[in-house]
Amino acid sequence: MRQGTAFLRKSATVFSVLAWASMVIQTLAGLYMLVFGGEPVPIGDASIPARAASVLVFAGAALNWFLFMFAAKLTQVLLDIHSQVAKAES
């Protein structure tokens, strides 16, 4: 049983690291697109300017950060529930 909780604790840490890494990388990509512009970005049948697409990159960075942090916090909550149940049983 202890091995399962160790994996979940590592998973929570991995989710937190992924949250911050994706935020930093996507924010740098969005800043690059915002500053330097470039070719229009095809989205579906339309092409929008790269500077306008950088707003979508920032929104994606925020969404990824939120989802990864949510997964990390949810994993931590489940581990806390497990420890409380195990403590009550013993």
Protein backbone atom coordinates (compact mmCIF):
# COMPACT_ATOMS: atom_id res chain seq x y z
CA MET A 1 0.00 0.00 0.00
CA ARG A 2 2.89 2.36 0.75
CA GLN A 3 4.26 1.97 -2.79
CA GLY A 4 0.99 3.30 -4.26
CA THR A 5 1.06 6.43 -2.15
CA ALA A 6 4.70 7.08 -3.02
CA PHE A 7 3.78 7.00 -6.71
CA LEU A 8 0.90 9.42 -6.12
CA ARG A 9 3.11 11.81 -4.15
CA LYS A 10 5.62 11.83 -7.01
CA SER A 11 2.75 12.35 -9.45
CA ALA A 12 1.59 15.44 -7.57
CA THR A 13 5.13 16.83 -7.76
CA VAL A 14 5.37 16.04 -11.47
CA PHE A 15 2.06 17.81 -12.13
CA SER A 16 3.29 20.91 -10.29
CA VAL A 17 6.57 20.95 -12.23
CA LEU A 18 4.71 20.48 -15.51
CA ALA A 19 2.37 23.34 -14.60
CA TRP A 20 5.18 25.81 -14.08
CA ALA A 21 7.31 24.53 -16.97
CA SER A 22 4.43 24.80 -19.44
CA MET A 23 3.57 28.27 -18.12
CA VAL A 24 7.13 29.52 -18.60
CA ILE A 25 7.63 27.96 -22.04
CA GLN A 26 4.29 29.08 -23.42
CA THR A 27 4.67 32.58 -21.99
CA LEU A 28 8.08 32.91 -23.64
CA ALA A 29 6.61 31.67 -26.93
CA GLY A 30 3.75 34.16 -26.63
CA LEU A 31 6.15 37.02 -25.89
CA TYR A 32 8.28 36.04 -28.87
CA MET A 33 5.23 36.05 -31.14
CA LEU A 34 4.03 39.34 -29.67
CA VAL A 35 7.37 41.13 -30.08
CA PHE A 36 8.60 39.74 -33.38
CA GLY A 37 5.29 38.98 -35.11
CA GLY A 38 5.92 36.91 -38.19
CA GLU A 39 3.86 35.05 -40.72
CA PRO A 40 0.09 34.80 -40.24
CA VAL A 41 -0.98 31.74 -38.29
CA PRO A 42 -3.52 29.47 -40.03
CA ILE A 43 -6.37 28.51 -37.70
CA GLY A 44 -8.98 26.49 -39.53
CA ASP A 45 -9.81 28.26 -42.80
CA ALA A 46 -8.66 31.66 -41.55
CA SER A 47 -5.23 33.19 -41.10
CA ILE A 48 -4.74 35.56 -38.20
CA PRO A 49 -1.72 37.75 -37.52
CA ALA A 50 0.94 36.24 -35.30
CA ARG A 51 0.62 39.05 -32.77
CA ALA A 52 -3.08 38.32 -32.36
CA ALA A 53 -2.33 34.60 -32.07
CA SER A 54 0.00 35.34 -29.17
CA VAL A 55 -3.11 36.14 -27.11
CA LEU A 56 -4.26 32.56 -27.73
CA VAL A 57 -0.86 31.28 -26.63
CA PHE A 58 -1.16 33.24 -23.36
CA ALA A 59 -4.67 31.86 -22.83
CA GLY A 60 -3.38 28.34 -23.48
CA ALA A 61 -0.58 28.88 -20.98
CA ALA A 62 -3.05 29.92 -18.32
CA LEU A 63 -5.35 27.00 -19.09
CA ASN A 64 -2.50 24.46 -19.00
CA TRP A 65 -1.22 25.88 -15.73
CA PHE A 66 -4.68 25.71 -14.17
CA LEU A 67 -5.31 22.12 -15.30
CA PHE A 68 -1.91 20.81 -14.18
CA MET A 69 -2.18 22.59 -10.81
CA PHE A 70 -5.71 21.25 -10.41
CA ALA A 71 -4.45 17.72 -11.02
CA ALA A 72 -1.63 18.25 -8.48
CA LYS A 73 -3.96 19.63 -5.80
CA LEU A 74 -6.56 16.93 -6.45
CA THR A 75 -3.90 14.26 -6.04
CA GLN A 76 -2.77 15.85 -2.77
CA VAL A 77 -6.36 15.98 -1.49
CA LEU A 78 -6.87 12.32 -2.33
CA LEU A 79 -3.65 11.44 -0.51
CA ASP A 80 -4.83 13.41 2.54
CA ILE A 81 -8.16 11.59 2.48
CA HIS A 82 -6.33 8.27 2.23
CA SER A 83 -4.09 9.09 5.20
CA GLN A 84 -7.09 10.15 7.32
CA VAL A 85 -8.95 6.93 6.46
CA ALA A 86 -5.88 4.83 7.21
CA LYS A 87 -5.40 6.67 10.52
CA ALA A 88 -9.05 6.10 11.49
CA GLU A 89 -8.80 2.39 10.69
CA SER A 90 -5.76 1.83 12.91
